Amino acid sequence: MTVAPLAIIGAGIAGLACARALVDQGRAVQLFDKARGPGGRLANRRIGETVFDLGAQHFTARHPTFRRALSAWRDAGLVAPWPTRPWRVSADGWQPASAAERFTAVPRMSALARHLAQGLDVHTGQRITALQSTRDGWWLETESGAHHGPFAGVVLALPTPQAAALLGPVAPELAAACTQRPMTPCWAACVRFSTPLPALDAPAPDWQTAAFLTGPTRTLHRAIRNHTRPGRHAQGESLTLLADVAWSVEHLEDDPATVADALLAAFAAQYPAPLPAAECLTAHRWRYAQPAAADTGGSGYRLGADGLALCGDAWRNGRIEDAWLSGHALGHHLATHSADKENLHA
């Protein structure tokens, strides 16, 4: 008897980790994502020869299960330690920052998503707008009116507000769980300069990232020098500027050009030397960037009736590590239970 595949909506790190755990244990899976490629907040933007990481910039590896996966990625040359020279900016000026060891994918964060997606059945450019349960199983309806199915179950690896919108008509209890896990936005600006930034002779001549603890109305949260990443040294001086959460909420509906100007001005106000001319300046809005609060209890995922399930960083904490652990744990759970829909219930 042929077992119907499982559908995963969302091909970010959680959805990909869930799919990998299922496929590695012999389950058929299809992934659907509205973007042009997998990765979610591991996305990057290329402007000419310059590559900007737009969302997650690096990640920690604390949990033993994730560290085992990280070890394999390091052996394959997929990830490397970075940043090794983080700084923080406060009322006392620029100071070195002590932090846990962090890693980045090489040469860009999206490389990790492409690696996890290898061999998977990923349907990109597919915005799912409705779920329907039939006697044959679950069907997915896309924005264009196409239907995909039947599936034995559906995993929603989405930001919780997007998951709630899909689940409301078919699983109000899971939709309610999503509303209890709100997510916060983040604006990200990308700026490429005509020449290198003036070196800071003291104290940070070769800084890689800077966390801003004070500043004009707390506009800026972090600045990242993209060309200091492993594998990116050939590209010119370029920054990703991440906005403060509260500022992002207040300016959520501003146009990208206004936001980009504001973030660059906030950086210039705290950089101890005049900035060179900006050759390119743009901004990207992450409406759902990370959970508003950590969820440290439970399994790290949620199960509902009739084969529905939820995973993602909202069900643990906001880190890349948490998203992977959530998806991996859910995939392992589903793979070790019967393919029959009734046995996928909570």
C-alpha atoms as a PDB file:
ATOM      1  CA  MET A   1       0.000   0.000   0.000  1.00  0.00           C
ATOM      2  CA  THR A   2       1.370   3.413  -1.001  1.00  0.00           C
ATOM      3  CA  VAL A   3       1.593   5.877   1.880  1.00  0.00           C
ATOM      4  CA  ALA A   4       0.452   9.410   1.053  1.00  0.00           C
ATOM      5  CA  PRO A   5       3.198  12.007   1.463  1.00  0.00           C
ATOM      6  CA  LEU A   6       3.283  14.719   4.081  1.00  0.00           C
ATOM      7  CA  ALA A   7       3.106  18.392   3.092  1.00  0.00           C
ATOM      8  CA  ILE A   8       5.274  21.034   4.743  1.00  0.00           C
ATOM      9  CA  ILE A   9       4.293  24.670   4.220  1.00  0.00           C
ATOM     10  CA  GLY A  10       7.353  26.835   4.662  1.00  0.00           C
ATOM     11  CA  ALA A  11      10.860  25.950   3.449  1.00  0.00           C
ATOM     12  CA  GLY A  12      12.818  27.929   5.997  1.00  0.00           C
ATOM     13  CA  ILE A  13      15.257  26.287   8.385  1.00  0.00           C
ATOM     14  CA  ALA A  14      12.497  24.632  10.471  1.00  0.00           C
ATOM     15  CA  GLY A  15      10.604  23.246   7.475  1.00  0.00           C
ATOM     16  CA  LEU A  16      13.804  21.985   5.855  1.00  0.00           C
ATOM     17  CA  ALA A  17      14.993  20.328   9.086  1.00  0.00           C
ATOM     18  CA  CYS A  18      11.602  18.657   9.490  1.00  0.00           C
ATOM     19  CA  ALA A  19      11.670  17.408   5.896  1.00  0.00           C
ATOM     20  CA  ARG A  20      15.214  16.075   6.233  1.00  0.00           C
ATOM     21  CA  ALA A  21      14.321  14.108   9.377  1.00  0.00           C
ATOM     22  CA  LEU A  22      11.295  12.606   7.637  1.00  0.00           C
ATOM     23  CA  VAL A  23      13.029  11.766   4.359  1.00  0.00           C
ATOM     24  CA  ASP A  24      16.021  10.268   6.154  1.00  0.00           C
ATOM     25  CA  GLN A  25      13.588   7.821   7.770  1.00  0.00           C
ATOM     26  CA  GLY A  26      11.835   6.917   4.550  1.00  0.00           C
ATOM     27  CA  ARG A  27       8.825   9.231   4.531  1.00  0.00           C
ATOM     28  CA  ALA A  28       7.744  11.047   1.369  1.00  0.00           C
ATOM     29  CA  VAL A  29       7.533  14.818   1.783  1.00  0.00           C
ATOM     30  CA  GLN A  30       6.650  17.798  -0.388  1.00  0.00           C
ATOM     31  CA  LEU A  31       7.559  21.340   0.666  1.00  0.00           C
ATOM     32  CA  PHE A  32       5.797  24.531  -0.446  1.00  0.00           C
ATOM     33  CA  ASP A  33       7.125  28.070  -0.094  1.00  0.00           C
ATOM     34  CA  LYS A  34       5.955  31.412  -1.435  1.00  0.00           C
ATOM     35  CA  ALA A  35       9.505  32.649  -2.094  1.00  0.00           C
ATOM     36  CA  ARG A  36      11.654  32.010  -5.155  1.00  0.00           C
ATOM     37  CA  GLY A  37      13.897  29.663  -3.194  1.00  0.00           C
ATOM     38  CA  PRO A  38      14.177  27.907   0.162  1.00  0.00           C
ATOM     39  CA  GLY A  39      15.676  29.484   3.232  1.00  0.00           C
ATOM     40  CA  GLY A  40      13.204  31.943   4.766  1.00  0.00           C
ATOM     41  CA  ARG A  41      15.187  34.329   6.952  1.00  0.00           C
ATOM     42  CA  LEU A  42      18.446  32.846   5.683  1.00  0.00           C
ATOM     43  CA  ALA A  43      17.882  34.982   2.595  1.00  0.00           C
ATOM     44  CA  ASN A  44      20.452  37.165   0.902  1.00  0.00           C
ATOM     45  CA  ARG A  45      20.298  39.894  -1.733  1.00  0.00           C
ATOM     46  CA  ARG A  46      22.821  40.382  -4.509  1.00  0.00           C
ATOM     47  CA  ILE A  47      23.382  43.869  -5.900  1.00  0.00           C
ATOM     48  CA  GLY A  48      25.963  43.671  -8.649  1.00  0.00           C
ATOM     49  CA  GLU A  49      28.899  41.765  -7.195  1.00  0.00           C
ATOM     50  CA  THR A  50      27.931  42.574  -3.620  1.00  0.00           C
ATOM     51  CA  VAL A  51      26.036  40.056  -1.483  1.00  0.00           C
ATOM     52  CA  PHE A  52      24.074  41.128   1.596  1.00  0.00           C
ATOM     53  CA  ASP A  53      22.681  38.719   4.182  1.00  0.00           C
ATOM     54  CA  LEU A  54      19.243  40.153   4.954  1.00  0.00           C
ATOM     55  CA  GLY A  55      17.948  38.158   7.906  1.00  0.00           C
ATOM     56  CA  ALA A  56      19.831  35.828  10.242  1.00  0.00           C
ATOM     57  CA  GLN A  57      23.474  36.837  10.304  1.00  0.00           C
ATOM     58  CA  HIS A  58      25.044  34.016  12.324  1.00  0.00           C
ATOM     59  CA  PHE A  59      24.020  31.342  14.797  1.00  0.00           C
ATOM     60  CA  THR A  60      25.024  29.604  18.001  1.00  0.00           C
ATOM     61  CA  ALA A  61      25.302  25.854  18.587  1.00  0.00           C
ATOM     62  CA  ARG A  62      24.531  24.943  22.193  1.00  0.00           C
ATOM     63  CA  HIS A  63      22.300  21.854  21.995  1.00  0.00           C
ATOM     64  CA  PRO A  64      24.114  18.504  21.538  1.00  0.00           C
ATOM     65  CA  THR A  65      21.847  17.422  18.664  1.00  0.00           C
ATOM     66  CA  PHE A  66      22.436  20.641  16.776  1.00  0.00           C
ATOM     67  CA  ARG A  67      26.152  20.508  17.487  1.00  0.00           C
ATOM     68  CA  ARG A  68      26.318  17.089  15.835  1.00  0.00           C
ATOM     69  CA  ALA A  69      24.701  18.527  12.708  1.00  0.00           C
ATOM     70  CA  LEU A  70      27.048  21.507  12.860  1.00  0.00           C
ATOM     71  CA  SER A  71      30.080  19.203  13.015  1.00  0.00           C
ATOM     72  CA  ALA A  72      29.064  17.587   9.739  1.00  0.00           C
ATOM     73  CA  TRP A  73      28.509  20.988   8.123  1.00  0.00           C
ATOM     74  CA  ARG A  74      31.942  22.166   9.255  1.00  0.00           C
ATOM     75  CA  ASP A  75      33.596  19.025   7.882  1.00  0.00           C
ATOM     76  CA  ALA A  76      31.915  19.754   4.540  1.00  0.00           C
ATOM     77  CA  GLY A  77      33.212  23.335   4.541  1.00  0.00           C
ATOM     78  CA  LEU A  78      29.674  24.669   4.691  1.00  0.00           C
ATOM     79  CA  VAL A  79      30.016  26.744   7.864  1.00  0.00           C
ATOM     80  CA  ALA A  80      32.840  28.548   9.658  1.00  0.00           C
ATOM     81  CA  PRO A  81      33.253  30.453  12.941  1.00  0.00           C
ATOM     82  CA  TRP A  82      32.183  34.097  12.534  1.00  0.00           C
ATOM     83  CA  PRO A  83      32.156  36.768  13.831  1.00  0.00           C
ATOM     84  CA  THR A  84      35.391  36.438  15.728  1.00  0.00           C
ATOM     85  CA  ARG A  85      35.669  40.201  16.368  1.00  0.00           C
ATOM     86  CA  PRO A  86      32.285  41.457  17.607  1.00  0.00           C
ATOM     87  CA  TRP A  87      32.003  44.910  19.156  1.00  0.00           C
ATOM     88  CA  ARG A  88      29.389  46.828  21.078  1.00  0.00           C
ATOM     89  CA  VAL A  89      28.678  50.548  20.979  1.00  0.00           C
ATOM     90  CA  SER A  90      27.442  52.295  24.098  1.00  0.00           C
ATOM     91  CA  ALA A  91      27.728  55.681  25.766  1.00  0.00           C
ATOM     92  CA  ASP A  92      31.322  54.678  26.545  1.00  0.00           C
ATOM     93  CA  GLY A  93      32.126  54.275  22.858  1.00  0.00           C
ATOM     94  CA  TRP A  94      33.239  51.238  20.848  1.00  0.00           C
ATOM     95  CA  GLN A  95      34.290  48.279  22.987  1.00  0.00           C
ATOM     96  CA  PRO A  96      35.034  44.594  22.306  1.00  0.00           C
ATOM     97  CA  ALA A  97      32.102  42.318  23.063  1.00  0.00           C
ATOM     98  CA  SER A  98      32.350  38.908  24.668  1.00  0.00           C
ATOM     99  CA  ALA A  99      29.906  36.397  23.265  1.00  0.00           C
ATOM    100  CA  ALA A 100      29.363  32.681  22.752  1.00  0.00           C
ATOM    101  CA  GLU A 101      31.045  31.132  19.728  1.00  0.00           C
ATOM    102  CA  ARG A 102      28.998  31.810  16.625  1.00  0.00           C
ATOM    103  CA  PHE A 103      28.991  30.465  13.090  1.00  0.00           C
ATOM    104  CA  THR A 104      27.986  31.557   9.616  1.00  0.00           C
ATOM    105  CA  ALA A 105      27.332  29.647   6.413  1.00  0.00           C
ATOM    106  CA  VAL A 106      29.920  30.013   3.649  1.00  0.00           C
ATOM    107  CA  PRO A 107      29.889  32.064   1.516  1.00  0.00           C
ATOM    108  CA  ARG A 108      26.399  33.301   2.491  1.00  0.00           C
ATOM    109  CA  MET A 109      23.671  32.224   4.907  1.00  0.00           C
ATOM    110  CA  SER A 110      21.448  30.904   2.107  1.00  0.00           C
ATOM    111  CA  ALA A 111      24.106  28.241   1.378  1.00  0.00           C
ATOM    112  CA  LEU A 112      22.916  26.346   4.458  1.00  0.00           C
ATOM    113  CA  ALA A 113      19.343  26.323   3.158  1.00  0.00           C
ATOM    114  CA  ARG A 114      20.450  25.073  -0.260  1.00  0.00           C
ATOM    115  CA  HIS A 115      22.408  22.282   1.404  1.00  0.00           C
ATOM    116  CA  LEU A 116      19.431  21.174   3.500  1.00  0.00           C
ATOM    117  CA  ALA A 117      17.146  21.318   0.453  1.00  0.00           C
ATOM    118  CA  GLN A 118      19.290  19.024  -1.696  1.00  0.00           C
ATOM    119  CA  GLY A 119      17.234  16.062  -2.894  1.00  0.00           C
ATOM    120  CA  LEU A 120      13.991  17.352  -1.398  1.00  0.00           C
ATOM    121  CA  ASP A 121      10.798  17.955  -3.372  1.00  0.00           C
ATOM    122  CA  VAL A 122      10.492  21.732  -2.935  1.00  0.00           C
ATOM    123  CA  HIS A 123       7.794  23.768  -4.723  1.00  0.00           C
ATOM    124  CA  THR A 124       8.803  27.439  -4.686  1.00  0.00           C
ATOM    125  CA  GLY A 125       6.715  30.431  -5.698  1.00  0.00           C
ATOM    126  CA  GLN A 126       3.658  28.693  -4.190  1.00  0.00           C
ATOM    127  CA  ARG A 127       1.678  30.808  -1.732  1.00  0.00           C
ATOM    128  CA  ILE A 128      -0.745  28.498   0.067  1.00  0.00           C
ATOM    129  CA  THR A 129      -4.041  30.244   0.812  1.00  0.00           C
ATOM    130  CA  ALA A 130      -6.290  27.462   2.142  1.00  0.00           C
ATOM    131  CA  LEU A 131      -6.301  23.948   3.605  1.00  0.00           C
ATOM    132  CA  GLN A 132      -9.065  21.443   2.979  1.00  0.00           C
ATOM    133  CA  SER A 133      -9.648  18.080   4.665  1.00  0.00           C
ATOM    134  CA  THR A 134     -11.291  15.341   2.576  1.00  0.00           C
ATOM    135  CA  ARG A 135     -11.788  11.598   2.942  1.00  0.00           C
ATOM    136  CA  ASP A 136      -8.627  11.126   0.872  1.00  0.00           C
ATOM    137  CA  GLY A 137      -6.520  13.421   3.030  1.00  0.00           C
ATOM    138  CA  TRP A 138      -5.442  17.062   3.077  1.00  0.00           C
ATOM    139  CA  TRP A 139      -5.397  19.332   0.022  1.00  0.00           C
ATOM    140  CA  LEU A 140      -3.563  22.643  -0.342  1.00  0.00           C
ATOM    141  CA  GLU A 141      -4.924  25.509  -2.423  1.00  0.00           C
ATOM    142  CA  THR A 142      -2.532  28.107  -3.855  1.00  0.00           C
ATOM    143  CA  GLU A 143      -3.047  31.772  -4.609  1.00  0.00           C
ATOM    144  CA  SER A 144      -3.385  30.913  -8.295  1.00  0.00           C
ATOM    145  CA  GLY A 145      -6.170  28.411  -7.592  1.00  0.00           C
ATOM    146  CA  ALA A 146      -4.076  25.269  -8.056  1.00  0.00           C
ATOM    147  CA  HIS A 147      -4.628  22.312  -5.727  1.00  0.00           C
ATOM    148  CA  HIS A 148      -2.010  19.925  -4.341  1.00  0.00           C
ATOM    149  CA  GLY A 149      -2.738  16.644  -2.574  1.00  0.00           C
ATOM    150  CA  PRO A 150      -3.862  14.431  -1.089  1.00  0.00           C
ATOM    151  CA  PHE A 151      -1.472  14.469   1.884  1.00  0.00           C
ATOM    152  CA  ALA A 152      -1.506  12.302   5.009  1.00  0.00           C
ATOM    153  CA  GLY A 153      -0.728  15.362   7.117  1.00  0.00           C
ATOM    154  CA  VAL A 154       0.357  18.979   6.929  1.00  0.00           C
ATOM    155  CA  VAL A 155       3.174  20.673   8.835  1.00  0.00           C
ATOM    156  CA  LEU A 156       3.025  24.464   9.025  1.00  0.00           C
ATOM    157  CA  ALA A 157       6.584  25.766   9.418  1.00  0.00           C
ATOM    158  CA  LEU A 158       5.478  29.379   9.160  1.00  0.00           C
ATOM    159  CA  PRO A 159       5.500  32.547  11.240  1.00  0.00           C
ATOM    160  CA  THR A 160       2.659  32.136  13.704  1.00  0.00           C
ATOM    161  CA  PRO A 161       0.380  34.888  12.268  1.00  0.00           C
ATOM    162  CA  GLN A 162       0.555  33.261   8.830  1.00  0.00           C
ATOM    163  CA  ALA A 163      -0.071  29.808  10.294  1.00  0.00           C
ATOM    164  CA  ALA A 164      -3.055  31.115  12.289  1.00  0.00           C
ATOM    165  CA  ALA A 165      -4.676  32.533   9.138  1.00  0.00           C
ATOM    166  CA  LEU A 166      -4.509  29.128   7.427  1.00  0.00           C
ATOM    167  CA  LEU A 167      -5.573  27.137  10.483  1.00  0.00           C
ATOM    168  CA  GLY A 168      -8.501  29.294  11.602  1.00  0.00           C
ATOM    169  CA  PRO A 169     -11.136  27.641   9.362  1.00  0.00           C
ATOM    170  CA  VAL A 170      -9.928  24.053   9.911  1.00  0.00           C
ATOM    171  CA  ALA A 171      -8.187  23.891  13.301  1.00  0.00           C
ATOM    172  CA  PRO A 172      -9.219  26.757  15.589  1.00  0.00           C
ATOM    173  CA  GLU A 173      -7.389  25.250  18.586  1.00  0.00           C
ATOM    174  CA  LEU A 174      -4.059  25.342  16.749  1.00  0.00           C
ATOM    175  CA  ALA A 175      -4.845  28.811  15.408  1.00  0.00           C
ATOM    176  CA  ALA A 176      -5.438  29.962  18.991  1.00  0.00           C
ATOM    177  CA  ALA A 177      -2.058  28.526  20.024  1.00  0.00           C
ATOM    178  CA  CYS A 178      -0.451  30.576  17.263  1.00  0.00           C
ATOM    179  CA  THR A 179      -2.049  33.808  18.451  1.00  0.00           C
ATOM    180  CA  GLN A 180      -0.430  33.230  21.845  1.00  0.00           C
ATOM    181  CA  ARG A 181       3.008  33.288  20.184  1.00  0.00           C
ATOM    182  CA  PRO A 182       3.178  36.764  18.556  1.00  0.00           C
ATOM    183  CA  MET A 183       6.164  37.749  16.436  1.00  0.00           C
ATOM    184  CA  THR A 184       8.009  41.039  16.077  1.00  0.00           C
ATOM    185  CA  PRO A 185       9.187  42.764  12.871  1.00  0.00           C
ATOM    186  CA  CYS A 186      12.598  43.977  11.785  1.00  0.00           C
ATOM    187  CA  TRP A 187      13.744  46.370   9.084  1.00  0.00           C
ATOM    188  CA  ALA A 188      17.098  45.595   7.438  1.00  0.00           C
ATOM    189  CA  ALA A 189      19.006  48.127   5.319  1.00  0.00           C
ATOM    190  CA  CYS A 190      21.736  47.295   2.805  1.00  0.00           C
ATOM    191  CA  VAL A 191      24.370  49.903   1.954  1.00  0.00           C
ATOM    192  CA  ARG A 192      27.348  49.629  -0.381  1.00  0.00           C
ATOM    193  CA  PHE A 193      30.024  52.321  -0.138  1.00  0.00           C
ATOM    194  CA  SER A 194      32.223  53.752  -2.876  1.00  0.00           C
ATOM    195  CA  THR A 195      35.364  53.257  -0.765  1.00  0.00           C
ATOM    196  CA  PRO A 196      36.207  51.416   2.474  1.00  0.00           C
ATOM    197  CA  LEU A 197      35.031  52.863   5.766  1.00  0.00           C
ATOM    198  CA  PRO A 198      37.708  54.926   7.534  1.00  0.00           C
ATOM    199  CA  ALA A 199      39.625  52.648   9.883  1.00  0.00           C
ATOM    200  CA  LEU A 200      39.063  53.153  13.579  1.00  0.00           C
ATOM    201  CA  ASP A 201      42.601  53.264  14.924  1.00  0.00           C
ATOM    202  CA  ALA A 202      41.284  52.904  18.423  1.00  0.00           C
ATOM    203  CA  PRO A 203      39.771  50.708  19.452  1.00  0.00           C
ATOM    204  CA  ALA A 204      38.255  48.753  16.539  1.00  0.00           C
ATOM    205  CA  PRO A 205      40.253  48.901  13.309  1.00  0.00           C
ATOM    206  CA  ASP A 206      38.935  45.582  11.999  1.00  0.00           C
ATOM    207  CA  TRP A 207      35.476  45.213  13.524  1.00  0.00           C
ATOM    208  CA  GLN A 208      33.111  42.674  11.935  1.00  0.00           C
ATOM    209  CA  THR A 209      29.830  43.287  13.754  1.00  0.00           C
ATOM    210  CA  ALA A 210      28.705  45.983  16.160  1.00  0.00           C
ATOM    211  CA  ALA A 211      25.752  45.876  18.557  1.00  0.00           C
ATOM    212  CA  PHE A 212      24.329  49.317  19.367  1.00  0.00           C
ATOM    213  CA  LEU A 213      23.226  49.676  22.972  1.00  0.00           C
ATOM    214  CA  THR A 214      22.462  53.396  22.783  1.00  0.00           C
ATOM    215  CA  GLY A 215      21.849  55.915  20.064  1.00  0.00           C
ATOM    216  CA  PRO A 216      19.337  58.247  18.427  1.00  0.00           C
ATOM    217  CA  THR A 217      15.930  56.972  19.628  1.00  0.00           C
ATOM    218  CA  ARG A 218      17.424  53.454  19.636  1.00  0.00           C
ATOM    219  CA  THR A 219      16.982  53.242  15.862  1.00  0.00           C
ATOM    220  CA  LEU A 220      19.794  50.810  15.176  1.00  0.00           C
ATOM    221  CA  HIS A 221      20.263  47.361  16.685  1.00  0.00           C
ATOM    222  CA  ARG A 222      23.260  45.921  14.839  1.00  0.00           C
ATOM    223  CA  ALA A 223      25.653  46.632  11.962  1.00  0.00           C
ATOM    224  CA  ILE A 224      27.316  43.834   9.989  1.00  0.00           C
ATOM    225  CA  ARG A 225      30.275  44.211   7.604  1.00  0.00           C
ATOM    226  CA  ASN A 226      29.400  41.709   4.882  1.00  0.00           C
ATOM    227  CA  HIS A 227      32.842  41.641   3.291  1.00  0.00           C
ATOM    228  CA  THR A 228      34.433  40.369   6.524  1.00  0.00           C
ATOM    229  CA  ARG A 229      32.589  37.064   6.259  1.00  0.00           C
ATOM    230  CA  PRO A 230      34.467  33.904   5.210  1.00  0.00           C
ATOM    231  CA  GLY A 231      34.471  33.631   1.426  1.00  0.00           C
ATOM    232  CA  ARG A 232      33.386  37.241   0.865  1.00  0.00           C
ATOM    233  CA  HIS A 233      36.632  39.215   1.199  1.00  0.00           C
ATOM    234  CA  ALA A 234      36.730  40.096  -2.505  1.00  0.00           C
ATOM    235  CA  GLN A 235      33.573  42.210  -2.388  1.00  0.00           C
ATOM    236  CA  GLY A 236      33.766  45.868  -1.439  1.00  0.00           C
ATOM    237  CA  GLU A 237      32.745  47.629   1.758  1.00  0.00           C
ATOM    238  CA  SER A 238      29.106  46.892   2.477  1.00  0.00           C
ATOM    239  CA  LEU A 239      26.904  46.882   5.564  1.00  0.00           C
ATOM    240  CA  THR A 240      23.692  45.251   6.647  1.00  0.00           C
ATOM    241  CA  LEU A 241      21.994  47.496   9.233  1.00  0.00           C
ATOM    242  CA  LEU A 242      19.351  45.843  11.428  1.00  0.00           C
ATOM    243  CA  ALA A 243      16.821  48.106  13.114  1.00  0.00           C
ATOM    244  CA  ASP A 244      15.757  47.995  16.743  1.00  0.00           C
ATOM    245  CA  VAL A 245      12.533  46.020  17.293  1.00  0.00           C
ATOM    246  CA  ALA A 246      10.572  48.899  18.836  1.00  0.00           C
ATOM    247  CA  TRP A 247      11.678  51.228  16.054  1.00  0.00           C
ATOM    248  CA  SER A 248      10.657  48.618  13.449  1.00  0.00           C
ATOM    249  CA  VAL A 249       7.207  48.372  15.014  1.00  0.00           C
ATOM    250  CA  GLU A 250       6.795  52.150  15.009  1.00  0.00           C
ATOM    251  CA  HIS A 251       7.932  52.458  11.376  1.00  0.00           C
ATOM    252  CA  LEU A 252       6.489  49.191  10.056  1.00  0.00           C
ATOM    253  CA  GLU A 253       4.555  50.788   7.195  1.00  0.00           C
ATOM    254  CA  ASP A 254       7.185  53.357   6.170  1.00  0.00           C
ATOM    255  CA  ASP A 255       8.512  53.110   2.624  1.00  0.00           C
ATOM    256  CA  PRO A 256      11.870  51.303   2.198  1.00  0.00           C
ATOM    257  CA  ALA A 257      13.757  54.386   1.009  1.00  0.00           C
ATOM    258  CA  THR A 258      12.820  56.372   4.118  1.00  0.00           C
ATOM    259  CA  VAL A 259      13.791  53.475   6.371  1.00  0.00           C
ATOM    260  CA  ALA A 260      17.133  52.958   4.615  1.00  0.00           C
ATOM    261  CA  ASP A 261      17.999  56.656   5.000  1.00  0.00           C
ATOM    262  CA  ALA A 262      17.095  56.583   8.708  1.00  0.00           C
ATOM    263  CA  LEU A 263      19.192  53.498   9.468  1.00  0.00           C
ATOM    264  CA  LEU A 264      22.220  54.840   7.607  1.00  0.00           C
ATOM    265  CA  ALA A 265      21.895  58.173   9.418  1.00  0.00           C
ATOM    266  CA  ALA A 266      21.746  56.365  12.771  1.00  0.00           C
ATOM    267  CA  PHE A 267      24.928  54.475  11.917  1.00  0.00           C
ATOM    268  CA  ALA A 268      26.697  57.625  10.741  1.00  0.00           C
ATOM    269  CA  ALA A 269      25.787  59.381  13.994  1.00  0.00           C
ATOM    270  CA  GLN A 270      27.693  56.775  16.008  1.00  0.00           C
ATOM    271  CA  TYR A 271      30.595  56.045  13.676  1.00  0.00           C
ATOM    272  CA  PRO A 272      33.635  58.033  14.849  1.00  0.00           C
ATOM    273  CA  ALA A 273      34.654  59.116  11.331  1.00  0.00           C
ATOM    274  CA  PRO A 274      32.874  60.539   8.270  1.00  0.00           C
ATOM    275  CA  LEU A 275      31.338  57.890   6.029  1.00  0.00           C
ATOM    276  CA  PRO A 276      32.209  57.557   2.331  1.00  0.00           C
ATOM    277  CA  ALA A 277      29.510  58.038  -0.262  1.00  0.00           C
ATOM    278  CA  ALA A 278      26.841  55.354  -0.469  1.00  0.00           C
ATOM    279  CA  GLU A 279      26.703  53.844  -3.967  1.00  0.00           C
ATOM    280  CA  CYS A 280      23.627  51.794  -3.197  1.00  0.00           C
ATOM    281  CA  LEU A 281      21.105  51.975  -0.365  1.00  0.00           C
ATOM    282  CA  THR A 282      17.936  49.920   0.062  1.00  0.00           C
ATOM    283  CA  ALA A 283      15.863  48.259   2.786  1.00  0.00           C
ATOM    284  CA  HIS A 284      13.911  45.050   3.342  1.00  0.00           C
ATOM    285  CA  ARG A 285      11.079  44.547   5.829  1.00  0.00           C
ATOM    286  CA  TRP A 286      10.730  41.338   7.807  1.00  0.00           C
ATOM    287  CA  ARG A 287       7.163  41.609   9.077  1.00  0.00           C
ATOM    288  CA  TYR A 288       7.630  38.493  11.240  1.00  0.00           C
ATOM    289  CA  ALA A 289      11.278  38.350  12.231  1.00  0.00           C
ATOM    290  CA  GLN A 290      11.304  36.521  15.564  1.00  0.00           C
ATOM    291  CA  PRO A 291       9.036  35.518  18.455  1.00  0.00           C
ATOM    292  CA  ALA A 292       8.195  38.252  20.929  1.00  0.00           C
ATOM    293  CA  ALA A 293       9.165  35.979  23.831  1.00  0.00           C
ATOM    294  CA  ALA A 294      10.976  32.695  24.332  1.00  0.00           C
ATOM    295  CA  ASP A 295       9.078  29.425  24.790  1.00  0.00           C
ATOM    296  CA  THR A 296      11.432  27.230  26.790  1.00  0.00           C
ATOM    297  CA  GLY A 297       8.920  24.567  27.807  1.00  0.00           C
ATOM    298  CA  GLY A 298       7.431  21.647  25.954  1.00  0.00           C
ATOM    299  CA  SER A 299       8.550  19.718  22.919  1.00  0.00           C
ATOM    300  CA  GLY A 300       9.411  22.681  20.682  1.00  0.00           C
ATOM    301  CA  TYR A 301       6.526  21.956  18.315  1.00  0.00           C
ATOM    302  CA  ARG A 302       2.740  21.600  18.427  1.00  0.00           C
ATOM    303  CA  LEU A 303       0.500  18.723  17.300  1.00  0.00           C
ATOM    304  CA  GLY A 304      -3.154  19.006  16.375  1.00  0.00           C
ATOM    305  CA  ALA A 305      -5.881  16.672  15.181  1.00  0.00           C
ATOM    306  CA  ASP A 306      -6.101  15.013  11.763  1.00  0.00           C
ATOM    307  CA  GLY A 307      -2.397  15.157  10.989  1.00  0.00           C
ATOM    308  CA  LEU A 308      -1.793  18.881  11.458  1.00  0.00           C
ATOM    309  CA  ALA A 309       1.359  20.116  13.192  1.00  0.00           C
ATOM    310  CA  LEU A 310       3.368  23.286  13.811  1.00  0.00           C
ATOM    311  CA  CYS A 311       7.090  23.906  14.069  1.00  0.00           C
ATOM    312  CA  GLY A 312       9.443  26.865  13.937  1.00  0.00           C
ATOM    313  CA  ASP A 313      11.486  29.137  16.165  1.00  0.00           C
ATOM    314  CA  ALA A 314       8.309  30.559  17.743  1.00  0.00           C
ATOM    315  CA  TRP A 315       7.881  27.264  19.604  1.00  0.00           C
ATOM    316  CA  ARG A 316      11.322  27.484  21.242  1.00  0.00           C
ATOM    317  CA  ASN A 317      13.280  30.718  21.033  1.00  0.00           C
ATOM    318  CA  GLY A 318      14.242  33.047  18.192  1.00  0.00           C
ATOM    319  CA  ARG A 319      17.515  31.507  17.086  1.00  0.00           C
ATOM    320  CA  ILE A 320      18.451  29.572  13.956  1.00  0.00           C
ATOM    321  CA  GLU A 321      19.412  26.730  16.279  1.00  0.00           C
ATOM    322  CA  ASP A 322      15.912  26.766  17.785  1.00  0.00           C
ATOM    323  CA  ALA A 323      14.219  26.689  14.382  1.00  0.00           C
ATOM    324  CA  TRP A 324      16.312  23.693  13.309  1.00  0.00           C
ATOM    325  CA  LEU A 325      15.731  21.844  16.596  1.00  0.00           C
ATOM    326  CA  SER A 326      11.980  22.440  16.374  1.00  0.00           C
ATOM    327  CA  GLY A 327      11.715  21.091  12.836  1.00  0.00           C
ATOM    328  CA  HIS A 328      14.099  18.197  13.467  1.00  0.00           C
ATOM    329  CA  ALA A 329      12.218  17.079  16.594  1.00  0.00           C
ATOM    330  CA  LEU A 330       8.840  17.242  14.867  1.00  0.00           C
ATOM    331  CA  GLY A 331      10.129  15.356  11.820  1.00  0.00           C
ATOM    332  CA  HIS A 332      11.546  12.620  14.053  1.00  0.00           C
ATOM    333  CA  HIS A 333       8.242  12.380  15.947  1.00  0.00           C
ATOM    334  CA  LEU A 334       6.163  12.084  12.775  1.00  0.00           C
ATOM    335  CA  ALA A 335       8.559   9.605  11.175  1.00  0.00           C
ATOM    336  CA  THR A 336       8.403   7.266  14.152  1.00  0.00           C
ATOM    337  CA  HIS A 337       4.592   7.208  14.249  1.00  0.00           C
ATOM    338  CA  SER A 338       2.219   5.420  11.925  1.00  0.00           C
ATOM    339  CA  ALA A 339       1.516   7.024   8.571  1.00  0.00           C
ATOM    340  CA  ASP A 340      -2.185   6.639   9.296  1.00  0.00           C
ATOM    341  CA  LYS A 341      -3.698  10.054   9.965  1.00  0.00           C
ATOM    342  CA  GLU A 342      -5.367   8.985  13.195  1.00  0.00           C
ATOM    343  CA  ASN A 343      -1.983   8.128  14.683  1.00  0.00           C
ATOM    344  CA  LEU A 344      -0.605  11.597  13.939  1.00  0.00           C
ATOM    345  CA  HIS A 345      -2.927  13.204  16.498  1.00  0.00           C
ATOM    346  CA  ALA A 346      -1.614  14.932  19.587  1.00  0.00           C
END
